Amino acid sequence: MPDRGCAVNRSNGVPARRRAVAVLAVAAAAAGVSQSFGRFTYSLLFTDVRDDLALSNTLAGSLGSTNLFAYLAGTLVVSLGVGRLGLSRTTRIGVVGVTVGLGVMAWASSAPPAFVALACTGFFAAGVWVTVPALAAAQVAPERRGAAIGVVGAGIGSGIVIASVLHSTVAADDWHAVYRIEAALAAVIAAAALAWLRDPAAPSPGRGGLDALRAVPAWKRLLTSYGLYGLGMSLMVTFLVAVLREDAGYSVGAASLAFSCFGVGTVFGGPVFGPLSDRIGRGEALAVAYAVMATMALAIASGARPWATVAAFCFGVAFTGEPTIVAARISDAVTAERFGMVYGLATLAFGAGLMAGPQLGGLIGDRTGSFRPVFVFAAAIAVVAAGFGWHRPAVSIDGSGRRRVDASSTMGR
């Protein structure tokens, strides 16, 4: 299959390798700002914000829902507009928008500005995550796209770790301080994005989203798999601490340690599964990631010490590994200019599963009186998702010994 990615940017007289490294670094940092600071920090600070602003659990939960709904709305907007704006411009707008939202949240003293802030961070976060995998993939040869996208995934994991450290060190005194520090870091990354991220060619609307999506091999199965991943992942992340504390008898500290191990694991998912998918194939690597997810769900449900904590770390690796593989699989089939449009549509399928998870898990917990069945259910979902995600296109070896994929052999399934 011919290389459909865009060439390495050589503008401004900067050597190609140096610019590629800079773009990868900025893309990873931008992903961390948008996903970890803009979306995950509030989950860590939920009780602090609730108590300080004197909110009910329902109202505080609505703040989190606002962030998620805004993210999905942003994903739809980006999918429709990225072809006109271009990858880099969309990313720059996204990082700046998230920075503004973090700044508003850093000074929010009541519910209304908090709603505005979290809606802002959610909406503009979509402009970053839907585009940065393609920016990263465009900096390297086709056979190394998985590794490049994995670097972006490591940025998200690193952001989660930073947010966790800030939560444990400064949030006790004032949760606003966490957002102030994050806003300052985001401003630095936004400045770097404005300086380094430039599209190498003028954007072009090209084919519509569904037409471009059909170029991805077995796209219906892939989107179904990605939606199921969103469902299973949300079940595990939402109820990880609860199952360990209420069913396995873990102390607050021990359960928090397990969640921290999960956060550390997210740093390694992209760097592990991205290169792995380059070596053994996207479908095979995706099956491995789902197998890890299913096995770790059962291990966490058992509550066995220390294996449940180890399993939380391994689940963190799969947590960021699976989106990395999906992004690489899409990048293999479409041009860089079309990637944001197609990946945005895939993210909508993921978001549908993400929204259903917490409510479904809570219902299972209420009906059974335990959160262990939630994790057994998540393991079953991972197995089914692996079946939908499995794809093995025709492979040939070119004259230089490189692995080439013939995506056309299974297009449109």
Protein backbone atom coordinates (compact mmCIF):
# COMPACT_ATOMS: atom_id res chain seq x y z
CA MET A 1 0.00 0.00 0.00
CA PRO A 2 1.50 3.40 -0.89
CA ASP A 3 2.38 5.86 1.83
CA ARG A 4 -0.61 8.12 2.33
CA GLY A 5 0.82 10.23 5.13
CA CYS A 6 2.15 13.72 4.63
CA ALA A 7 5.87 14.36 4.39
CA VAL A 8 7.98 15.57 7.28
CA ASN A 9 7.72 19.33 7.68
CA ARG A 10 10.89 21.07 6.55
CA SER A 11 9.70 24.67 6.83
CA ASN A 12 11.54 27.59 8.40
CA GLY A 13 14.91 26.10 7.56
CA VAL A 14 14.80 23.72 10.54
CA PRO A 15 16.41 20.30 9.90
CA ALA A 16 13.77 17.65 9.29
CA ARG A 17 14.81 15.32 12.13
CA ARG A 18 14.97 18.12 14.68
CA ARG A 19 11.58 19.43 13.62
CA ALA A 20 10.06 15.95 13.73
CA VAL A 21 11.28 15.44 17.30
CA ALA A 22 9.95 18.85 18.32
CA VAL A 23 6.53 18.18 16.77
CA LEU A 24 6.32 14.77 18.49
CA ALA A 25 7.22 16.33 21.84
CA VAL A 26 4.70 19.16 21.47
CA ALA A 27 2.00 16.76 20.26
CA ALA A 28 2.54 14.50 23.30
CA ALA A 29 2.49 17.46 25.69
CA ALA A 30 -0.65 18.87 24.06
CA ALA A 31 -2.37 15.51 24.44
CA GLY A 32 -1.46 15.49 28.13
CA VAL A 33 -2.86 18.99 28.62
CA SER A 34 -6.11 18.28 26.80
CA GLN A 35 -6.93 14.81 28.12
CA SER A 36 -5.27 14.67 31.53
CA PHE A 37 -5.62 18.28 32.68
CA GLY A 38 -8.74 19.17 30.72
CA ARG A 39 -10.74 15.99 31.34
CA PHE A 40 -9.32 13.72 34.08
CA THR A 41 -8.30 16.24 36.75
CA TYR A 42 -11.89 16.95 37.77
CA SER A 43 -12.41 13.27 38.62
CA LEU A 44 -9.52 13.49 41.09
CA LEU A 45 -10.81 16.74 42.59
CA PHE A 46 -14.49 15.79 42.61
CA THR A 47 -15.00 15.76 46.39
CA ASP A 48 -12.78 18.83 46.93
CA VAL A 49 -14.75 20.89 44.42
CA ARG A 50 -18.08 19.57 45.71
CA ASP A 51 -17.35 20.45 49.32
CA ASP A 52 -15.75 23.83 48.65
CA LEU A 53 -18.53 25.03 46.35
CA ALA A 54 -21.23 23.46 48.58
CA LEU A 55 -22.66 21.37 45.75
CA SER A 56 -24.81 18.27 45.95
CA ASN A 57 -23.47 15.02 44.55
CA THR A 58 -25.93 15.36 41.69
CA LEU A 59 -24.80 18.87 40.77
CA ALA A 60 -21.14 18.00 41.15
CA GLY A 61 -21.67 14.95 38.97
CA SER A 62 -23.37 17.16 36.39
CA LEU A 63 -20.15 19.16 36.13
CA GLY A 64 -18.34 16.00 35.04
CA SER A 65 -21.12 15.11 32.62
CA THR A 66 -20.92 18.61 31.13
CA ASN A 67 -17.23 18.04 30.41
CA LEU A 68 -17.95 14.73 28.68
CA PHE A 69 -20.88 15.99 26.62
CA ALA A 70 -18.84 19.03 25.56
CA TYR A 71 -16.02 16.71 24.52
CA LEU A 72 -18.35 14.65 22.33
CA ALA A 73 -19.85 17.82 20.84
CA GLY A 74 -16.33 19.06 20.14
CA THR A 75 -15.47 15.76 18.52
CA LEU A 76 -18.38 16.10 16.12
CA VAL A 77 -17.44 19.70 15.28
CA VAL A 78 -13.79 18.77 14.72
CA SER A 79 -14.77 15.83 12.51
CA LEU A 80 -16.72 18.20 10.28
CA GLY A 81 -14.25 21.10 10.32
CA VAL A 82 -10.74 19.69 10.47
CA GLY A 83 -10.60 19.25 6.70
CA ARG A 84 -11.01 23.01 6.28
CA LEU A 85 -8.88 24.17 9.22
CA GLY A 86 -6.07 21.62 8.94
CA LEU A 87 -4.54 19.42 11.62
CA SER A 88 -2.08 21.89 13.13
CA ARG A 89 -4.44 24.85 13.23
CA THR A 90 -7.14 22.72 14.88
CA THR A 91 -4.61 21.49 17.46
CA ARG A 92 -3.43 25.02 18.24
CA ILE A 93 -6.99 26.25 18.72
CA GLY A 94 -7.70 23.25 20.95
CA VAL A 95 -4.69 23.77 23.23
CA VAL A 96 -5.40 27.48 23.63
CA GLY A 97 -9.07 26.77 24.39
CA VAL A 98 -8.20 24.16 27.04
CA THR A 99 -5.74 26.61 28.61
CA VAL A 100 -8.46 29.26 28.87
CA GLY A 101 -10.83 26.73 30.45
CA LEU A 102 -8.22 25.68 33.01
CA GLY A 103 -7.64 29.35 33.86
CA VAL A 104 -11.35 29.92 34.45
CA MET A 105 -11.56 26.81 36.62
CA ALA A 106 -8.56 27.98 38.64
CA TRP A 107 -10.58 30.97 39.88
CA ALA A 108 -14.11 29.50 39.89
CA SER A 109 -15.89 30.25 43.18
CA SER A 110 -19.35 28.94 42.30
CA ALA A 111 -21.08 26.43 40.05
CA PRO A 112 -21.77 28.65 36.98
CA PRO A 113 -18.13 29.50 36.16
CA ALA A 114 -17.15 25.90 36.89
CA PHE A 115 -19.72 24.71 34.34
CA VAL A 116 -18.34 27.16 31.77
CA ALA A 117 -14.75 26.13 32.51
CA LEU A 118 -15.35 22.37 32.23
CA ALA A 119 -17.46 22.79 29.11
CA CYS A 120 -14.60 24.78 27.61
CA THR A 121 -11.91 22.23 28.49
CA GLY A 122 -14.06 19.36 27.24
CA PHE A 123 -15.01 20.99 23.94
CA PHE A 124 -11.51 22.16 23.02
CA ALA A 125 -9.84 18.95 24.22
CA ALA A 126 -11.46 17.25 21.23
CA GLY A 127 -9.57 19.60 18.92
CA VAL A 128 -6.32 18.21 20.27
CA TRP A 129 -6.88 14.48 20.67
CA VAL A 130 -8.63 14.00 17.35
CA THR A 131 -5.68 15.57 15.49
CA VAL A 132 -2.39 14.93 17.32
CA PRO A 133 -2.09 11.22 16.41
CA ALA A 134 -2.00 12.18 12.71
CA LEU A 135 0.52 14.95 13.39
CA ALA A 136 2.74 12.43 15.14
CA ALA A 137 2.35 9.77 12.45
CA ALA A 138 3.22 12.29 9.72
CA GLN A 139 6.69 12.77 11.20
CA VAL A 140 7.89 9.20 10.61
CA ALA A 141 8.00 6.47 8.00
CA PRO A 142 4.83 4.37 7.59
CA GLU A 143 6.28 1.34 9.37
CA ARG A 144 6.89 3.45 12.51
CA ARG A 145 3.51 5.15 12.80
CA GLY A 146 2.43 3.02 15.74
CA ALA A 147 5.53 4.01 17.70
CA ALA A 148 4.99 7.71 16.94
CA ILE A 149 1.34 7.60 18.02
CA GLY A 150 2.49 5.72 21.11
CA VAL A 151 4.57 8.74 22.11
CA VAL A 152 1.37 10.80 22.10
CA GLY A 153 -0.28 8.21 24.34
CA ALA A 154 2.65 8.50 26.75
CA GLY A 155 1.90 12.21 26.98
CA ILE A 156 -1.58 11.45 28.28
CA GLY A 157 -0.22 9.00 30.83
CA SER A 158 2.38 11.50 32.00
CA GLY A 159 -0.33 14.11 32.40
CA ILE A 160 -2.39 11.74 34.54
CA VAL A 161 0.63 11.15 36.79
CA ILE A 162 1.25 14.90 37.11
CA ALA A 163 -2.40 15.51 37.98
CA SER A 164 -2.28 12.73 40.59
CA VAL A 165 0.85 14.16 42.18
CA LEU A 166 -0.67 17.63 42.31
CA HIS A 167 -3.83 16.17 43.84
CA SER A 168 -1.89 14.44 46.61
CA THR A 169 0.41 17.38 47.37
CA VAL A 170 -1.45 20.67 46.94
CA ALA A 171 -5.16 19.89 46.66
CA ALA A 172 -5.62 19.44 50.42
CA ASP A 173 -4.93 23.15 50.97
CA ASP A 174 -6.74 24.56 47.93
CA TRP A 175 -8.00 22.62 44.89
CA HIS A 176 -7.78 25.84 42.86
CA ALA A 177 -3.99 25.60 43.14
CA VAL A 178 -4.02 22.39 41.12
CA TYR A 179 -5.81 24.12 38.26
CA ARG A 180 -3.57 27.19 38.52
CA ILE A 181 -0.45 25.08 38.12
CA GLU A 182 -2.03 23.14 35.27
CA ALA A 183 -3.11 26.36 33.57
CA ALA A 184 0.46 27.69 33.77
CA LEU A 185 1.86 24.47 32.29
CA ALA A 186 -0.82 24.52 29.60
CA ALA A 187 0.11 28.10 28.66
CA VAL A 188 3.70 27.02 28.07
CA ILE A 189 2.54 24.11 25.88
CA ALA A 190 0.14 26.38 23.99
CA ALA A 191 3.02 28.74 23.22
CA ALA A 192 5.10 25.79 21.97
CA ALA A 193 2.19 24.60 19.82
CA LEU A 194 1.81 28.04 18.27
CA ALA A 195 5.53 28.08 17.48
CA TRP A 196 6.07 24.53 16.17
CA LEU A 197 2.84 23.13 14.79
CA ARG A 198 2.37 24.10 11.17
CA ASP A 199 0.58 22.21 8.40
CA PRO A 200 2.99 21.35 5.57
CA ALA A 201 0.28 21.87 2.97
CA ALA A 202 -2.91 23.85 2.62
CA PRO A 203 -5.92 21.97 4.08
CA SER A 204 -8.54 20.64 1.71
CA PRO A 205 -12.04 19.41 2.55
CA GLY A 206 -11.69 16.38 0.28
CA ARG A 207 -14.04 13.47 0.85
CA GLY A 208 -16.72 13.60 3.54
CA GLY A 209 -16.38 11.81 6.86
CA LEU A 210 -18.32 8.65 5.97
CA ASP A 211 -16.61 8.32 2.58
CA ALA A 212 -13.21 8.66 4.22
CA LEU A 213 -14.22 6.24 6.98
CA ARG A 214 -15.02 3.56 4.40
CA ALA A 215 -11.36 3.55 3.40
CA VAL A 216 -10.50 1.99 6.77
CA PRO A 217 -10.43 -1.82 6.56
CA ALA A 218 -13.36 -3.47 8.39
CA TRP A 219 -14.42 -0.05 9.68
CA LYS A 220 -17.80 -1.16 11.05
CA ARG A 221 -16.19 -3.86 13.17
CA LEU A 222 -13.48 -1.45 14.30
CA LEU A 223 -15.98 1.17 15.48
CA THR A 224 -18.02 -1.49 17.28
CA SER A 225 -14.86 -2.71 18.99
CA TYR A 226 -13.86 0.82 19.97
CA GLY A 227 -17.31 1.54 21.39
CA LEU A 228 -17.15 -1.65 23.47
CA TYR A 229 -13.70 -0.61 24.68
CA GLY A 230 -15.17 2.69 25.88
CA LEU A 231 -17.85 0.79 27.79
CA GLY A 232 -15.49 -1.73 29.43
CA MET A 233 -12.84 0.87 30.19
CA SER A 234 -15.31 3.24 31.86
CA LEU A 235 -16.63 0.41 34.03
CA MET A 236 -13.14 -0.47 35.24
CA VAL A 237 -11.88 3.07 35.83
CA THR A 238 -15.07 4.25 37.55
CA PHE A 239 -15.33 1.34 39.98
CA LEU A 240 -11.67 0.41 40.52
CA VAL A 241 -11.40 2.01 43.96
CA ALA A 242 -14.92 0.95 44.94
CA VAL A 243 -14.40 -2.77 44.23
CA LEU A 244 -11.12 -2.83 46.16
CA ARG A 245 -12.49 -0.98 49.18
CA GLU A 246 -16.00 -2.43 49.46
CA ASP A 247 -15.50 -5.96 48.15
CA ALA A 248 -11.83 -6.71 48.85
CA GLY A 249 -11.50 -4.81 52.13
CA TYR A 250 -8.70 -2.51 51.02
CA SER A 251 -7.98 0.56 53.10
CA VAL A 252 -8.35 4.01 51.56
CA GLY A 253 -4.56 4.24 51.20
CA ALA A 254 -4.23 0.81 49.60
CA ALA A 255 -7.02 1.48 47.12
CA SER A 256 -5.51 4.87 46.27
CA LEU A 257 -2.16 3.18 45.69
CA ALA A 258 -3.78 0.80 43.23
CA PHE A 259 -5.32 3.72 41.35
CA SER A 260 -1.95 5.48 41.30
CA CYS A 261 -0.40 2.34 39.82
CA PHE A 262 -3.08 2.45 37.14
CA GLY A 263 -2.05 6.03 36.38
CA VAL A 264 1.62 5.08 36.11
CA GLY A 265 0.70 2.23 33.78
CA THR A 266 -0.98 4.65 31.36
CA VAL A 267 2.43 6.20 30.66
CA PHE A 268 3.66 2.95 29.10
CA GLY A 269 0.64 1.89 27.04
CA GLY A 270 1.48 3.91 23.95
CA PRO A 271 5.22 3.14 23.89
CA VAL A 272 4.52 -0.58 24.41
CA PHE A 273 1.58 -1.24 22.11
CA GLY A 274 2.44 1.29 19.39
CA PRO A 275 5.73 -0.36 18.38
CA LEU A 276 4.21 -3.80 19.03
CA SER A 277 1.51 -3.08 16.45
CA ASP A 278 4.21 -2.01 14.00
CA ARG A 279 5.94 -5.36 14.46
CA ILE A 280 3.13 -7.94 14.66
CA GLY A 281 0.20 -6.09 13.07
CA ARG A 282 -2.63 -3.86 14.30
CA GLY A 283 -5.22 -6.60 14.72
CA GLU A 284 -2.86 -8.91 16.56
CA ALA A 285 -1.70 -6.14 18.92
CA LEU A 286 -5.30 -5.10 19.57
CA ALA A 287 -6.14 -8.69 20.52
CA VAL A 288 -3.21 -8.72 22.96
CA ALA A 289 -4.38 -5.45 24.52
CA TYR A 290 -7.92 -6.76 24.98
CA ALA A 291 -6.56 -10.00 26.46
CA VAL A 292 -4.61 -7.95 29.00
CA MET A 293 -7.72 -5.90 29.79
CA ALA A 294 -9.91 -8.98 30.30
CA THR A 295 -7.34 -10.80 32.44
CA MET A 296 -6.66 -7.75 34.61
CA ALA A 297 -10.38 -7.15 35.13
CA LEU A 298 -10.71 -10.62 36.65
CA ALA A 299 -7.55 -10.16 38.72
CA ILE A 300 -8.84 -6.86 40.12
CA ALA A 301 -12.21 -8.43 40.89
CA SER A 302 -10.46 -11.15 42.92
CA GLY A 303 -8.94 -8.51 45.22
CA ALA A 304 -5.93 -10.77 45.83
CA ARG A 305 -2.93 -8.94 47.22
CA PRO A 306 -0.66 -7.73 45.74
CA TRP A 307 -1.92 -9.01 42.39
CA ALA A 308 -4.93 -6.71 42.18
CA THR A 309 -2.60 -3.71 42.49
CA VAL A 310 -0.26 -5.17 39.85
CA ALA A 311 -3.31 -5.78 37.67
CA ALA A 312 -4.31 -2.12 38.01
CA PHE A 313 -0.91 -1.14 36.61
CA CYS A 314 -1.23 -3.60 33.71
CA PHE A 315 -4.73 -2.33 32.97
CA GLY A 316 -3.27 1.18 32.76
CA VAL A 317 -0.91 -0.07 30.06
CA ALA A 318 -3.81 -1.50 28.05
CA PHE A 319 -5.89 1.62 28.76
CA THR A 320 -3.68 3.85 26.58
CA GLY A 321 -2.44 1.03 24.35
CA GLU A 322 -5.78 0.29 22.72
CA PRO A 323 -6.53 3.84 21.46
CA THR A 324 -2.95 3.99 20.16
CA ILE A 325 -3.52 0.91 18.01
CA VAL A 326 -6.89 2.15 16.74
CA ALA A 327 -5.34 5.48 15.76
CA ALA A 328 -2.47 3.71 14.00
CA ARG A 329 -4.89 1.46 12.11
CA ILE A 330 -6.83 4.48 10.85
CA SER A 331 -3.58 6.28 9.98
CA ASP A 332 -2.57 3.33 7.80
CA ALA A 333 -5.65 3.72 5.63
CA VAL A 334 -6.26 7.47 5.19
CA THR A 335 -4.22 10.57 4.48
CA ALA A 336 -3.10 12.80 7.32
CA GLU A 337 -5.58 15.45 6.16
CA ARG A 338 -8.49 12.96 6.45
CA PHE A 339 -7.34 11.40 9.72
CA GLY A 340 -8.98 13.92 12.06
CA MET A 341 -12.30 13.52 10.32
CA VAL A 342 -12.22 9.72 10.50
CA TYR A 343 -10.79 9.44 14.00
CA GLY A 344 -13.39 11.92 15.22
CA LEU A 345 -16.15 9.62 14.03
CA ALA A 346 -14.46 6.68 15.74
CA THR A 347 -14.24 8.73 18.93
CA LEU A 348 -17.99 9.27 18.84
CA ALA A 349 -18.46 5.48 18.97
CA PHE A 350 -16.00 5.34 21.86
CA GLY A 351 -17.86 8.14 23.64
CA ALA A 352 -21.17 6.32 23.39
CA GLY A 353 -19.71 3.41 25.33
CA LEU A 354 -17.99 5.77 27.74
CA MET A 355 -21.26 7.45 28.70
CA ALA A 356 -23.10 4.17 29.28
CA GLY A 357 -20.49 2.62 31.58
CA PRO A 358 -20.97 4.41 34.93
CA GLN A 359 -24.76 4.10 34.92
CA LEU A 360 -24.67 0.45 33.88
CA GLY A 361 -22.01 -0.40 36.45
CA GLY A 362 -23.98 1.32 39.19
CA LEU A 363 -27.08 -0.65 38.22
CA ILE A 364 -25.15 -3.94 38.37
CA GLY A 365 -23.72 -2.98 41.76
CA ASP A 366 -27.15 -2.13 43.14
CA ARG A 367 -28.74 -5.32 41.83
CA THR A 368 -26.00 -7.70 42.99
CA GLY A 369 -24.77 -5.87 46.10
CA SER A 370 -21.18 -6.14 44.86
CA PHE A 371 -18.90 -4.49 42.31
CA ARG A 372 -17.14 -7.74 41.42
CA PRO A 373 -19.77 -8.63 38.76
CA VAL A 374 -19.03 -5.27 37.14
CA PHE A 375 -15.45 -6.38 36.46
CA VAL A 376 -16.51 -9.82 35.28
CA PHE A 377 -18.83 -8.07 32.86
CA ALA A 378 -15.99 -5.78 31.75
CA ALA A 379 -13.82 -8.83 31.07
CA ALA A 380 -16.57 -10.34 28.90
CA ILE A 381 -16.89 -7.04 27.02
CA ALA A 382 -13.15 -7.05 26.31
CA VAL A 383 -13.39 -10.56 24.83
CA VAL A 384 -16.26 -9.54 22.55
CA ALA A 385 -14.45 -6.33 21.58
CA ALA A 386 -11.39 -8.37 20.63
CA GLY A 387 -13.52 -10.43 18.27
CA PHE A 388 -14.88 -7.33 16.55
CA GLY A 389 -11.46 -5.67 16.43
CA TRP A 390 -9.60 -8.63 14.95
CA HIS A 391 -8.43 -7.89 11.45
CA ARG A 392 -5.64 -9.45 9.44
CA PRO A 393 -5.17 -7.82 6.04
CA ALA A 394 -3.02 -9.22 3.29
CA VAL A 395 0.67 -8.61 4.02
CA SER A 396 3.61 -8.56 1.63
CA ILE A 397 7.32 -7.95 2.02
CA ASP A 398 8.88 -5.39 -0.28
CA GLY A 399 12.39 -5.45 -1.73
CA SER A 400 13.91 -3.81 1.33
CA GLY A 401 12.37 -6.38 3.65
CA ARG A 402 9.75 -4.01 5.03
CA ARG A 403 6.25 -5.19 5.89
CA ARG A 404 3.55 -3.75 3.59
CA VAL A 405 -0.19 -3.99 4.25
CA ASP A 406 -2.77 -4.28 1.49
CA ALA A 407 -5.72 -2.56 3.12
CA SER A 408 -7.85 -2.83 0.00
CA SER A 409 -8.27 -6.57 0.52
CA THR A 410 -10.82 -5.96 3.29
CA MET A 411 -12.11 -2.43 2.75
CA GLY A 412 -15.70 -1.69 3.55
CA ARG A 413 -16.48 -4.71 5.70
